[in-house]
Amino acid sequence: MIEEILERIEVEAKSKGVGLWSWLALVTAATITTNAPGSMITIFRHTSLSKPLQEQVQIAEFMREIGLRCSAVIGVRQHVRIA
């Protein structure tokens, strides 16, 4: 189900000229805030599929950075539980 949602988000974002990094930031933050850590793997796989290793690493680092910044919103205690 999350894969279908991600596909729709990606298609709509592209149609409106929104790049990968912008919609990935929003999806990652929303997923962390709703405490759905299992979906993070699906998001990573969806966005990094068939990309070179260096770009996969950049995506993982970006998602991690978004997660760290979310700690200000959801609180350190809940954030540590997710990580």
PDB file of N, CA and C in Angstrom:
ATOM      1  N   MET A   1       0.811  -1.183   0.000  1.00  0.00           N
ATOM      2  CA  MET A   1       0.000   0.000   0.000  1.00  0.00           C
ATOM      3  C   MET A   1       0.865   1.261   0.000  1.00  0.00           C
ATOM      4  N   ILE A   2       1.902   1.293   0.826  1.00  0.00           N
ATOM      5  CA  ILE A   2       2.767   2.477   0.873  1.00  0.00           C
ATOM      6  C   ILE A   2       3.448   2.696  -0.475  1.00  0.00           C
ATOM      7  N   GLU A   3       3.766   1.614  -1.145  1.00  0.00           N
ATOM      8  CA  GLU A   3       4.403   1.726  -2.466  1.00  0.00           C
ATOM      9  C   GLU A   3       3.483   2.445  -3.453  1.00  0.00           C
ATOM     10  N   GLU A   4       2.202   2.124  -3.417  1.00  0.00           N
ATOM     11  CA  GLU A   4       1.237   2.782  -4.307  1.00  0.00           C
ATOM     12  C   GLU A   4       1.118   4.267  -3.968  1.00  0.00           C
ATOM     13  N   ILE A   5       1.114   4.587  -2.705  1.00  0.00           N
ATOM     14  CA  ILE A   5       1.033   5.981  -2.273  1.00  0.00           C
ATOM     15  C   ILE A   5       2.267   6.741  -2.739  1.00  0.00           C
ATOM     16  N   LEU A   6       3.433   6.141  -2.552  1.00  0.00           N
ATOM     17  CA  LEU A   6       4.671   6.778  -2.992  1.00  0.00           C
ATOM     18  C   LEU A   6       4.675   7.018  -4.497  1.00  0.00           C
ATOM     19  N   GLU A   7       4.178   6.046  -5.237  1.00  0.00           N
ATOM     20  CA  GLU A   7       4.108   6.190  -6.694  1.00  0.00           C
ATOM     21  C   GLU A   7       3.217   7.373  -7.078  1.00  0.00           C
ATOM     22  N   ARG A   8       2.075   7.485  -6.426  1.00  0.00           N
ATOM     23  CA  ARG A   8       1.164   8.609  -6.714  1.00  0.00           C
ATOM     24  C   ARG A   8       1.795   9.951  -6.344  1.00  0.00           C
ATOM     25  N   ILE A   9       2.467   9.983  -5.204  1.00  0.00           N
ATOM     26  CA  ILE A   9       3.132  11.218  -4.779  1.00  0.00           C
ATOM     27  C   ILE A   9       4.212  11.603  -5.785  1.00  0.00           C
ATOM     28  N   GLU A  10       4.997  10.625  -6.198  1.00  0.00           N
ATOM     29  CA  GLU A  10       6.082  10.893  -7.148  1.00  0.00           C
ATOM     30  C   GLU A  10       5.546  11.406  -8.483  1.00  0.00           C
ATOM     31  N   VAL A  11       4.508  10.770  -8.997  1.00  0.00           N
ATOM     32  CA  VAL A  11       3.925  11.176 -10.283  1.00  0.00           C
ATOM     33  C   VAL A  11       3.351  12.592 -10.177  1.00  0.00           C
ATOM     34  N   GLU A  12       2.615  12.856  -9.109  1.00  0.00           N
ATOM     35  CA  GLU A  12       2.029  14.189  -8.945  1.00  0.00           C
ATOM     36  C   GLU A  12       3.112  15.247  -8.758  1.00  0.00           C
ATOM     37  N   ALA A  13       4.135  14.909  -7.988  1.00  0.00           N
ATOM     38  CA  ALA A  13       5.232  15.856  -7.764  1.00  0.00           C
ATOM     39  C   ALA A  13       5.916  16.197  -9.091  1.00  0.00           C
ATOM     40  N   LYS A  14       6.205  15.178  -9.893  1.00  0.00           N
ATOM     41  CA  LYS A  14       6.841  15.413 -11.190  1.00  0.00           C
ATOM     42  C   LYS A  14       5.964  16.277 -12.087  1.00  0.00           C
ATOM     43  N   SER A  15       4.672  16.024 -12.069  1.00  0.00           N
ATOM     44  CA  SER A  15       3.758  16.785 -12.927  1.00  0.00           C
ATOM     45  C   SER A  15       3.694  18.262 -12.528  1.00  0.00           C
ATOM     46  N   LYS A  16       4.043  18.545 -11.267  1.00  0.00           N
ATOM     47  CA  LYS A  16       4.004  19.928 -10.779  1.00  0.00           C
ATOM     48  C   LYS A  16       5.400  20.540 -10.666  1.00  0.00           C
ATOM     49  N   GLY A  17       6.393  19.822 -11.180  1.00  0.00           N
ATOM     50  CA  GLY A  17       7.756  20.342 -11.170  1.00  0.00           C
ATOM     51  C   GLY A  17       8.453  20.271  -9.828  1.00  0.00           C
ATOM     52  N   VAL A  18       7.977  19.407  -8.949  1.00  0.00           N
ATOM     53  CA  VAL A  18       8.591  19.238  -7.628  1.00  0.00           C
ATOM     54  C   VAL A  18       9.619  18.114  -7.721  1.00  0.00           C
ATOM     55  N   GLY A  19      10.831  18.403  -7.321  1.00  0.00           N
ATOM     56  CA  GLY A  19      11.915  17.442  -7.426  1.00  0.00           C
ATOM     57  C   GLY A  19      11.899  16.377  -6.348  1.00  0.00           C
ATOM     58  N   LEU A  20      12.710  15.368  -6.564  1.00  0.00           N
ATOM     59  CA  LEU A  20      12.817  14.231  -5.640  1.00  0.00           C
ATOM     60  C   LEU A  20      13.092  14.677  -4.209  1.00  0.00           C
ATOM     61  N   TRP A  21      14.071  15.563  -4.042  1.00  0.00           N
ATOM     62  CA  TRP A  21      14.494  15.920  -2.693  1.00  0.00           C
ATOM     63  C   TRP A  21      13.384  16.613  -1.913  1.00  0.00           C
ATOM     64  N   SER A  22      12.568  17.393  -2.589  1.00  0.00           N
ATOM     65  CA  SER A  22      11.483  18.098  -1.898  1.00  0.00           C
ATOM     66  C   SER A  22      10.411  17.141  -1.412  1.00  0.00           C
ATOM     67  N   TRP A  23       9.904  16.288  -2.309  1.00  0.00           N
ATOM     68  CA  TRP A  23       8.837  15.391  -1.866  1.00  0.00           C
ATOM     69  C   TRP A  23       9.374  14.310  -0.940  1.00  0.00           C
ATOM     70  N   LEU A  24      10.636  13.918  -1.126  1.00  0.00           N
ATOM     71  CA  LEU A  24      11.231  12.926  -0.223  1.00  0.00           C
ATOM     72  C   LEU A  24      11.341  13.490   1.191  1.00  0.00           C
ATOM     73  N   ALA A  25      11.686  14.759   1.315  1.00  0.00           N
ATOM     74  CA  ALA A  25      11.768  15.387   2.639  1.00  0.00           C
ATOM     75  C   ALA A  25      10.415  15.349   3.343  1.00  0.00           C
ATOM     76  N   LEU A  26       9.372  15.698   2.621  1.00  0.00           N
ATOM     77  CA  LEU A  26       8.032  15.718   3.219  1.00  0.00           C
ATOM     78  C   LEU A  26       7.552  14.322   3.596  1.00  0.00           C
ATOM     79  N   VAL A  27       7.755  13.368   2.711  1.00  0.00           N
ATOM     80  CA  VAL A  27       7.320  11.994   2.979  1.00  0.00           C
ATOM     81  C   VAL A  27       8.098  11.405   4.154  1.00  0.00           C
ATOM     82  N   THR A  28       9.398  11.653   4.188  1.00  0.00           N
ATOM     83  CA  THR A  28      10.225  11.135   5.284  1.00  0.00           C
ATOM     84  C   THR A  28       9.790  11.743   6.617  1.00  0.00           C
ATOM     85  N   ALA A  29       9.603  13.055   6.641  1.00  0.00           N
ATOM     86  CA  ALA A  29       9.197  13.725   7.881  1.00  0.00           C
ATOM     87  C   ALA A  29       7.825  13.235   8.348  1.00  0.00           C
ATOM     88  N   ALA A  30       6.901  13.092   7.422  1.00  0.00           N
ATOM     89  CA  ALA A  30       5.562  12.619   7.789  1.00  0.00           C
ATOM     90  C   ALA A  30       5.619  11.200   8.337  1.00  0.00           C
ATOM     91  N   THR A  31       6.438  10.367   7.721  1.00  0.00           N
ATOM     92  CA  THR A  31       6.558   8.972   8.163  1.00  0.00           C
ATOM     93  C   THR A  31       7.175   8.881   9.542  1.00  0.00           C
ATOM     94  N   ILE A  32       8.196   9.668   9.791  1.00  0.00           N
ATOM     95  CA  ILE A  32       8.831   9.656  11.116  1.00  0.00           C
ATOM     96  C   ILE A  32       7.882  10.221  12.166  1.00  0.00           C
ATOM     97  N   THR A  33       7.212  11.293  11.831  1.00  0.00           N
ATOM     98  CA  THR A  33       6.305  11.933  12.785  1.00  0.00           C
ATOM     99  C   THR A  33       5.150  11.017  13.168  1.00  0.00           C
ATOM    100  N   THR A  34       4.689  10.193  12.222  1.00  0.00           N
ATOM    101  CA  THR A  34       3.595   9.269  12.527  1.00  0.00           C
ATOM    102  C   THR A  34       4.089   7.956  13.127  1.00  0.00           C
ATOM    103  N   ASN A  35       5.396   7.895  13.393  1.00  0.00           N
ATOM    104  CA  ASN A  35       6.003   6.727  14.041  1.00  0.00           C
ATOM    105  C   ASN A  35       5.764   5.450  13.239  1.00  0.00           C
ATOM    106  N   ALA A  36       6.129   5.496  11.961  1.00  0.00           N
ATOM    107  CA  ALA A  36       6.006   4.332  11.081  1.00  0.00           C
ATOM    108  C   ALA A  36       7.381   3.963  10.525  1.00  0.00           C
ATOM    109  N   PRO A  37       8.300   3.515  11.401  1.00  0.00           N
ATOM    110  CA  PRO A  37       9.671   3.256  10.959  1.00  0.00           C
ATOM    111  C   PRO A  37       9.787   2.167   9.895  1.00  0.00           C
ATOM    112  N   GLY A  38       8.878   1.224   9.885  1.00  0.00           N
ATOM    113  CA  GLY A  38       8.930   0.164   8.873  1.00  0.00           C
ATOM    114  C   GLY A  38       8.756   0.694   7.465  1.00  0.00           C
ATOM    115  N   SER A  39       8.038   1.788   7.339  1.00  0.00           N
ATOM    116  CA  SER A  39       7.818   2.381   6.022  1.00  0.00           C
ATOM    117  C   SER A  39       9.061   3.071   5.485  1.00  0.00           C
ATOM    118  N   MET A  40      10.007   3.387   6.354  1.00  0.00           N
ATOM    119  CA  MET A  40      11.232   4.052   5.904  1.00  0.00           C
ATOM    120  C   MET A  40      12.001   3.196   4.911  1.00  0.00           C
ATOM    121  N   ILE A  41      12.018   1.904   5.125  1.00  0.00           N
ATOM    122  CA  ILE A  41      12.706   1.003   4.198  1.00  0.00           C
ATOM    123  C   ILE A  41      12.035   1.044   2.835  1.00  0.00           C
ATOM    124  N   THR A  42      10.717   1.038   2.826  1.00  0.00           N
ATOM    125  CA  THR A  42       9.979   1.100   1.568  1.00  0.00           C
ATOM    126  C   THR A  42      10.248   2.413   0.846  1.00  0.00           C
ATOM    127  N   ILE A  43      10.272   3.505   1.582  1.00  0.00           N
ATOM    128  CA  ILE A  43      10.554   4.806   0.976  1.00  0.00           C
ATOM    129  C   ILE A  43      11.956   4.808   0.378  1.00  0.00           C
ATOM    130  N   PHE A  44      12.924   4.302   1.130  1.00  0.00           N
ATOM    131  CA  PHE A  44      14.300   4.258   0.624  1.00  0.00           C
ATOM    132  C   PHE A  44      14.388   3.397  -0.632  1.00  0.00           C
ATOM    133  N   ARG A  45      13.810   2.232  -0.586  1.00  0.00           N
ATOM    134  CA  ARG A  45      13.861   1.342  -1.765  1.00  0.00           C
ATOM    135  C   ARG A  45      13.183   1.986  -2.970  1.00  0.00           C
ATOM    136  N   HIS A  46      12.059   2.627  -2.750  1.00  0.00           N
ATOM    137  CA  HIS A  46      11.330   3.259  -3.852  1.00  0.00           C
ATOM    138  C   HIS A  46      12.160   4.367  -4.498  1.00  0.00           C
ATOM    139  N   THR A  47      12.814   5.168  -3.689  1.00  0.00           N
ATOM    140  CA  THR A  47      13.546   6.312  -4.229  1.00  0.00           C
ATOM    141  C   THR A  47      14.940   5.968  -4.721  1.00  0.00           C
ATOM    142  N   SER A  48      15.484   4.853  -4.302  1.00  0.00           N
ATOM    143  CA  SER A  48      16.862   4.523  -4.679  1.00  0.00           C
ATOM    144  C   SER A  48      16.974   3.364  -5.666  1.00  0.00           C
ATOM    145  N   LEU A  49      15.862   2.790  -6.028  1.00  0.00           N
ATOM    146  CA  LEU A  49      15.866   1.646  -6.939  1.00  0.00           C
ATOM    147  C   LEU A  49      16.593   1.981  -8.237  1.00  0.00           C
ATOM    148  N   SER A  50      17.484   1.135  -8.628  1.00  0.00           N
ATOM    149  CA  SER A  50      18.275   1.236  -9.871  1.00  0.00           C
ATOM    150  C   SER A  50      19.058   2.540  -9.992  1.00  0.00           C
ATOM    151  N   LYS A  51      19.451   3.106  -8.854  1.00  0.00           N
ATOM    152  CA  LYS A  51      20.316   4.281  -8.867  1.00  0.00           C
ATOM    153  C   LYS A  51      21.728   3.838  -8.487  1.00  0.00           C
ATOM    154  N   PRO A  52      22.734   4.588  -8.929  1.00  0.00           N
ATOM    155  CA  PRO A  52      24.110   4.240  -8.546  1.00  0.00           C
ATOM    156  C   PRO A  52      24.291   4.271  -7.027  1.00  0.00           C
ATOM    157  N   LEU A  53      25.261   3.524  -6.554  1.00  0.00           N
ATOM    158  CA  LEU A  53      25.505   3.408  -5.115  1.00  0.00           C
ATOM    159  C   LEU A  53      25.702   4.772  -4.462  1.00  0.00           C
ATOM    160  N   GLN A  54      26.439   5.654  -5.089  1.00  0.00           N
ATOM    161  CA  GLN A  54      26.682   6.968  -4.488  1.00  0.00           C
ATOM    162  C   GLN A  54      25.377   7.737  -4.294  1.00  0.00           C
ATOM    163  N   GLU A  55      24.464   7.641  -5.241  1.00  0.00           N
ATOM    164  CA  GLU A  55      23.171   8.323  -5.090  1.00  0.00           C
ATOM    165  C   GLU A  55      22.318   7.650  -4.019  1.00  0.00           C
ATOM    166  N   GLN A  56      22.415   6.336  -3.901  1.00  0.00           N
ATOM    167  CA  GLN A  56      21.695   5.632  -2.836  1.00  0.00           C
ATOM    168  C   GLN A  56      22.178   6.112  -1.468  1.00  0.00           C
ATOM    169  N   VAL A  57      23.484   6.282  -1.347  1.00  0.00           N
ATOM    170  CA  VAL A  57      24.060   6.777  -0.091  1.00  0.00           C
ATOM    171  C   VAL A  57      23.562   8.192   0.194  1.00  0.00           C
ATOM    172  N   GLN A  58      23.505   9.040  -0.833  1.00  0.00           N
ATOM    173  CA  GLN A  58      23.009  10.407  -0.649  1.00  0.00           C
ATOM    174  C   GLN A  58      21.554  10.411  -0.184  1.00  0.00           C
ATOM    175  N   ILE A  59      20.757   9.525  -0.748  1.00  0.00           N
ATOM    176  CA  ILE A  59      19.352   9.428  -0.342  1.00  0.00           C
ATOM    177  C   ILE A  59      19.252   8.991   1.114  1.00  0.00           C
ATOM    178  N   ALA A  60      20.033   7.982   1.502  1.00  0.00           N
ATOM    179  CA  ALA A  60      20.021   7.504   2.885  1.00  0.00           C
ATOM    180  C   ALA A  60      20.469   8.610   3.847  1.00  0.00           C
ATOM    181  N   GLU A  61      21.522   9.335   3.481  1.00  0.00           N
ATOM    182  CA  GLU A  61      22.006  10.429   4.323  1.00  0.00           C
ATOM    183  C   GLU A  61      20.954  11.537   4.456  1.00  0.00           C
ATOM    184  N   PHE A  62      20.290  11.842   3.354  1.00  0.00           N
ATOM    185  CA  PHE A  62      19.262  12.877   3.352  1.00  0.00           C
ATOM    186  C   PHE A  62      18.098  12.478   4.260  1.00  0.00           C
ATOM    187  N   MET A  63      17.656  11.224   4.133  1.00  0.00           N
ATOM    188  CA  MET A  63      16.558  10.745   4.965  1.00  0.00           C
ATOM    189  C   MET A  63      16.956  10.774   6.442  1.00  0.00           C
ATOM    190  N   ARG A  64      18.197  10.420   6.729  1.00  0.00           N
ATOM    191  CA  ARG A  64      18.684  10.449   8.105  1.00  0.00           C
ATOM    192  C   ARG A  64      18.676  11.883   8.633  1.00  0.00           C
ATOM    193  N   GLU A  65      19.132  12.811   7.819  1.00  0.00           N
ATOM    194  CA  GLU A  65      19.156  14.216   8.228  1.00  0.00           C
ATOM    195  C   GLU A  65      17.748  14.733   8.523  1.00  0.00           C
ATOM    196  N   ILE A  66      16.801  14.366   7.675  1.00  0.00           N
ATOM    197  CA  ILE A  66      15.407  14.757   7.907  1.00  0.00           C
ATOM    198  C   ILE A  66      14.935  14.174   9.238  1.00  0.00           C
ATOM    199  N   GLY A  67      15.283  12.915   9.488  1.00  0.00           N
ATOM    200  CA  GLY A  67      14.905  12.274  10.748  1.00  0.00           C
ATOM    201  C   GLY A  67      15.464  12.990  11.959  1.00  0.00           C
ATOM    202  N   LEU A  68      16.719  13.409  11.870  1.00  0.00           N
ATOM    203  CA  LEU A  68      17.330  14.134  12.987  1.00  0.00           C
ATOM    204  C   LEU A  68      16.646  15.477  13.213  1.00  0.00           C
ATOM    205  N   ARG A  69      16.277  16.131  12.142  1.00  0.00           N
ATOM    206  CA  ARG A  69      15.602  17.427  12.277  1.00  0.00           C
ATOM    207  C   ARG A  69      14.183  17.273  12.815  1.00  0.00           C
ATOM    208  N   CYS A  70      13.593  16.119  12.595  1.00  0.00           N
ATOM    209  CA  CYS A  70      12.239  15.884  13.108  1.00  0.00           C
ATOM    210  C   CYS A  70      12.214  15.794  14.622  1.00  0.00           C
ATOM    211  N   SER A  71      13.358  15.548  15.226  1.00  0.00           N
ATOM    212  CA  SER A  71      13.383  15.424  16.683  1.00  0.00           C
ATOM    213  C   SER A  71      12.898  16.704  17.358  1.00  0.00           C
ATOM    214  N   ALA A  72      13.066  17.842  16.707  1.00  0.00           N
ATOM    215  CA  ALA A  72      12.573  19.103  17.274  1.00  0.00           C
ATOM    216  C   ALA A  72      11.046  19.149  17.273  1.00  0.00           C
ATOM    217  N   VAL A  73      10.437  18.434  16.337  1.00  0.00           N
ATOM    218  CA  VAL A  73       8.982  18.443  16.221  1.00  0.00           C
ATOM    219  C   VAL A  73       8.347  17.383  17.114  1.00  0.00           C
ATOM    220  N   ILE A  74       8.887  16.173  17.064  1.00  0.00           N
ATOM    221  CA  ILE A  74       8.245  15.070  17.790  1.00  0.00           C
ATOM    222  C   ILE A  74       8.876  14.788  19.141  1.00  0.00           C
ATOM    223  N   GLY A  75       9.979  15.427  19.430  1.00  0.00           N
ATOM    224  CA  GLY A  75      10.638  15.237  20.710  1.00  0.00           C
ATOM    225  C   GLY A  75      11.718  14.174  20.647  1.00  0.00           C
ATOM    226  N   VAL A  76      12.764  14.406  21.361  1.00  0.00           N
ATOM    227  CA  VAL A  76      13.914  13.522  21.348  1.00  0.00           C
ATOM    228  C   VAL A  76      13.536  12.128  21.834  1.00  0.00           C
ATOM    229  N   ARG A  77      12.711  12.021  22.849  1.00  0.00           N
ATOM    230  CA  ARG A  77      12.363  10.722  23.435  1.00  0.00           C
ATOM    231  C   ARG A  77      11.728   9.798  22.393  1.00  0.00           C
ATOM    232  N   GLN A  78      10.744  10.289  21.647  1.00  0.00           N
ATOM    233  CA  GLN A  78      10.096   9.463  20.641  1.00  0.00           C
ATOM    234  C   GLN A  78      11.058   9.187  19.487  1.00  0.00           C
ATOM    235  N   HIS A  79      11.862  10.163  19.138  1.00  0.00           N
ATOM    236  CA  HIS A  79      12.818  10.007  18.031  1.00  0.00           C
ATOM    237  C   HIS A  79      13.821   8.909  18.332  1.00  0.00           C
ATOM    238  N   VAL A  80      14.339   8.856  19.546  1.00  0.00           N
ATOM    239  CA  VAL A  80      15.296   7.838  19.938  1.00  0.00           C
ATOM    240  C   VAL A  80      14.648   6.454  19.866  1.00  0.00           C
ATOM    241  N   ARG A  81      13.384   6.365  20.223  1.00  0.00           N
ATOM    242  CA  ARG A  81      12.667   5.092  20.169  1.00  0.00           C
ATOM    243  C   ARG A  81      12.569   4.599  18.725  1.00  0.00           C
ATOM    244  N   ILE A  82      12.394   5.520  17.761  1.00  0.00           N
ATOM    245  CA  ILE A  82      12.278   5.144  16.351  1.00  0.00           C
ATOM    246  C   ILE A  82      13.618   4.658  15.835  1.00  0.00           C
ATOM    247  N   ALA A  83      14.675   5.379  16.158  1.00  0.00           N
ATOM    248  CA  ALA A  83      16.012   5.029  15.661  1.00  0.00           C
ATOM    249  C   ALA A  83      16.464   3.765  16.320  1.00  0.00           C
TER     250      ALA A  83
END
